[in-house]
Protein backbone atom coordinates (compact mmCIF):
# COMPACT_ATOMS: atom_id res chain seq x y z
CA MET A 1 -70.87 18.56 -64.34
CA SER A 2 -74.15 20.35 -63.90
CA GLN A 3 -73.13 23.46 -65.84
CA SER A 4 -71.42 23.67 -69.20
CA PRO A 5 -67.66 24.19 -69.22
CA GLU A 6 -66.27 27.32 -70.89
CA PRO A 7 -64.97 26.80 -74.44
CA ASP A 8 -61.74 28.24 -75.74
CA ARG A 9 -59.46 27.77 -78.71
CA PRO A 10 -57.07 24.83 -78.62
CA GLU A 11 -53.35 25.24 -79.06
CA MET A 12 -52.31 23.96 -82.47
CA PRO A 13 -49.45 24.76 -84.85
CA ASP A 14 -49.92 28.01 -86.79
CA SER A 15 -50.17 25.99 -90.01
CA PHE A 16 -53.57 24.63 -88.84
CA GLY A 17 -55.04 28.16 -88.94
CA VAL A 18 -56.58 28.12 -85.47
CA SER A 19 -54.83 31.35 -84.45
CA ASN A 20 -55.40 33.04 -87.84
CA PRO A 21 -57.69 36.11 -87.42
CA ASP A 22 -59.27 35.27 -90.81
CA TYR A 23 -61.00 32.37 -89.02
CA PRO A 24 -63.01 33.90 -86.14
CA PHE A 25 -63.70 31.53 -83.25
CA THR A 26 -67.13 29.91 -83.49
CA PRO A 27 -67.05 27.36 -80.67
CA ILE A 28 -69.03 24.15 -80.69
CA ALA A 29 -71.59 24.01 -77.89
CA TRP A 30 -70.75 21.55 -75.10
CA ALA A 31 -74.34 20.27 -75.29
CA ALA A 32 -73.71 19.24 -78.92
CA VAL A 33 -70.59 17.33 -77.86
CA VAL A 34 -72.52 15.56 -75.07
CA GLU A 35 -75.20 14.63 -77.60
CA GLN A 36 -72.56 13.23 -79.95
CA LEU A 37 -70.96 11.27 -77.09
CA SER A 38 -74.37 9.94 -76.03
CA GLU A 39 -75.34 8.81 -79.52
CA ALA A 40 -72.04 7.21 -80.55
CA ARG A 41 -72.02 3.43 -80.70
CA ASN A 42 -68.28 2.79 -80.63
CA TYR A 43 -65.43 4.56 -78.86
CA TRP A 44 -61.67 4.13 -79.04
CA ILE A 45 -59.84 3.88 -75.72
CA SER A 46 -56.09 4.56 -75.65
CA THR A 47 -54.11 3.32 -72.67
CA THR A 48 -50.43 2.68 -72.03
CA ARG A 49 -48.81 -0.68 -71.41
CA PRO A 50 -46.28 -0.94 -68.54
CA SER A 51 -43.54 -0.98 -71.22
CA GLY A 52 -44.72 2.44 -72.44
CA ARG A 53 -46.19 1.10 -75.69
CA PRO A 54 -49.64 2.44 -76.56
CA HIS A 55 -52.71 0.22 -76.59
CA SER A 56 -55.87 1.28 -78.43
CA VAL A 57 -59.06 -0.73 -78.49
CA PRO A 58 -62.65 -0.09 -79.60
CA VAL A 59 -65.21 -0.40 -76.83
CA TRP A 60 -68.89 0.11 -76.19
CA GLY A 61 -69.57 2.92 -73.78
CA VAL A 62 -72.16 5.36 -72.50
CA TRP A 63 -72.32 8.98 -71.46
CA ALA A 64 -74.20 8.80 -68.15
CA GLU A 65 -74.07 10.71 -64.88
CA ASP A 66 -72.14 13.50 -66.68
CA ALA A 67 -69.24 11.21 -67.61
CA PHE A 68 -68.06 8.60 -70.10
CA HIS A 69 -68.24 5.00 -68.81
CA PHE A 70 -67.26 1.64 -70.23
CA LEU A 71 -67.09 -1.92 -68.92
CA THR A 72 -64.36 -4.51 -69.31
CA ASP A 73 -63.11 -7.69 -67.73
CA LEU A 74 -60.53 -7.12 -64.98
CA LYS A 75 -58.23 -9.56 -66.82
CA SER A 76 -58.28 -7.53 -70.04
CA LEU A 77 -55.18 -5.69 -71.19
CA THR A 78 -57.14 -2.44 -71.03
CA ALA A 79 -58.03 -2.99 -67.34
CA THR A 80 -54.44 -4.03 -66.56
CA ASN A 81 -53.11 -0.90 -68.26
CA ILE A 82 -55.55 1.36 -66.40
CA ALA A 83 -54.57 -0.22 -63.07
CA ASN A 84 -50.93 0.59 -63.89
CA ASP A 85 -51.53 4.07 -65.36
CA PRO A 86 -55.09 5.48 -65.43
CA ARG A 87 -54.26 8.33 -67.84
CA SER A 88 -56.19 7.67 -71.04
CA ASP A 89 -57.80 9.14 -74.10
CA VAL A 90 -61.21 8.40 -75.59
CA HIS A 91 -61.91 9.15 -79.25
CA LEU A 92 -64.99 8.79 -81.39
CA GLU A 93 -64.66 7.04 -84.72
CA SER A 94 -65.23 10.03 -87.01
CA GLY A 95 -62.36 12.04 -88.36
CA ASP A 96 -64.83 14.61 -89.74
CA GLU A 97 -66.86 15.26 -86.56
CA VAL A 98 -64.12 14.92 -83.98
CA VAL A 99 -64.48 14.49 -80.23
CA LEU A 100 -61.39 13.72 -78.15
CA LEU A 101 -61.52 13.23 -74.38
CA ASP A 102 -58.39 13.31 -72.22
CA GLY A 103 -58.36 12.29 -68.59
CA GLN A 104 -57.91 9.33 -66.35
CA PHE A 105 -60.06 6.32 -65.71
CA GLU A 106 -61.28 5.34 -62.29
CA GLN A 107 -62.87 1.99 -61.51
CA VAL A 108 -66.27 2.73 -59.97
CA PRO A 109 -69.26 0.69 -58.78
CA LEU A 110 -71.64 -0.06 -61.63
CA SER A 111 -74.58 2.21 -60.82
CA ALA A 112 -78.13 1.41 -61.86
CA ALA A 113 -78.15 4.51 -64.11
CA VAL A 114 -75.02 3.40 -65.98
CA LEU A 115 -76.26 -0.20 -66.32
CA ASP A 116 -79.63 1.08 -67.56
CA ALA A 117 -77.85 3.24 -70.14
CA PHE A 118 -75.85 0.24 -71.37
CA ASN A 119 -78.95 -1.96 -71.53
CA ALA A 120 -80.92 0.69 -73.43
CA LYS A 121 -78.13 1.33 -75.90
CA TYR A 122 -76.73 -2.16 -76.48
CA GLU A 123 -79.20 -4.61 -74.95
CA MET A 124 -76.30 -5.82 -72.80
CA PRO A 125 -76.36 -9.41 -71.58
CA GLN A 126 -76.72 -9.99 -67.84
CA MET A 127 -73.03 -10.90 -67.63
CA ALA A 128 -72.24 -7.18 -67.97
CA GLU A 129 -73.34 -6.78 -64.37
CA GLY A 130 -70.23 -8.77 -63.39
CA PHE A 131 -67.81 -6.45 -65.17
CA PRO A 132 -66.30 -3.46 -63.39
CA ALA A 133 -67.25 -0.02 -64.62
CA TYR A 134 -64.68 2.62 -65.51
CA ARG A 135 -65.49 6.34 -65.48
CA LEU A 136 -63.31 8.92 -67.23
CA GLU A 137 -62.43 11.88 -65.04
CA LEU A 138 -62.07 14.56 -67.70
CA ARG A 139 -59.04 16.82 -67.84
CA LYS A 140 -59.62 18.25 -71.31
CA ALA A 141 -61.93 17.76 -74.30
CA LEU A 142 -61.43 18.82 -77.90
CA ALA A 143 -63.93 18.90 -80.75
CA TRP A 144 -64.11 20.19 -84.28
CA ARG A 145 -66.04 19.62 -87.46
CA GLU A 146 -64.43 19.35 -90.88
CA ASP A 147 -67.10 21.76 -92.11
CA GLY A 148 -66.04 24.97 -90.38
CA PHE A 149 -62.50 24.03 -89.31
CA PRO A 150 -60.43 25.81 -88.03
CA SER A 151 -62.99 28.33 -86.73
CA ASN A 152 -64.90 25.68 -84.79
CA ALA A 153 -61.91 23.92 -83.20
CA THR A 154 -62.89 24.02 -79.52
CA ARG A 155 -61.25 23.02 -76.23
CA TRP A 156 -62.74 22.63 -72.77
CA ARG A 157 -60.68 22.25 -69.60
CA PHE A 158 -62.04 20.58 -66.49
């Protein structure tokens, strides 16, 4: 994604104030969201079990090559769920400086750039090279900050 996506207001119930004209839209810059994604240490991945039950797990990940990536063992429940249904969400830990990513994961070759990003961020052990990489193909992203909500509630579609 070489150029920034266009921001717009997310759809939320009227009670959240997003559509209230008293709160003019002041979108968060996509570059600020990318910075937040790059600097985060932990991410929450939500997948769906074959039974339909949700599965959420914290993972280490990186923003590299214009996308979110994480690694996991092919035998993990997360990998099994993605193989069955790649639609997933990724959330950062903060409830005050929110970033939500919605899309689907694709297993991809572990590129040197992604491995370098993991090694720089986490000092990953060599065994990480044996894990498959998963890249999130974004469908939508949401972000907002408690300070400034609902004016800064922002959505990007991809």
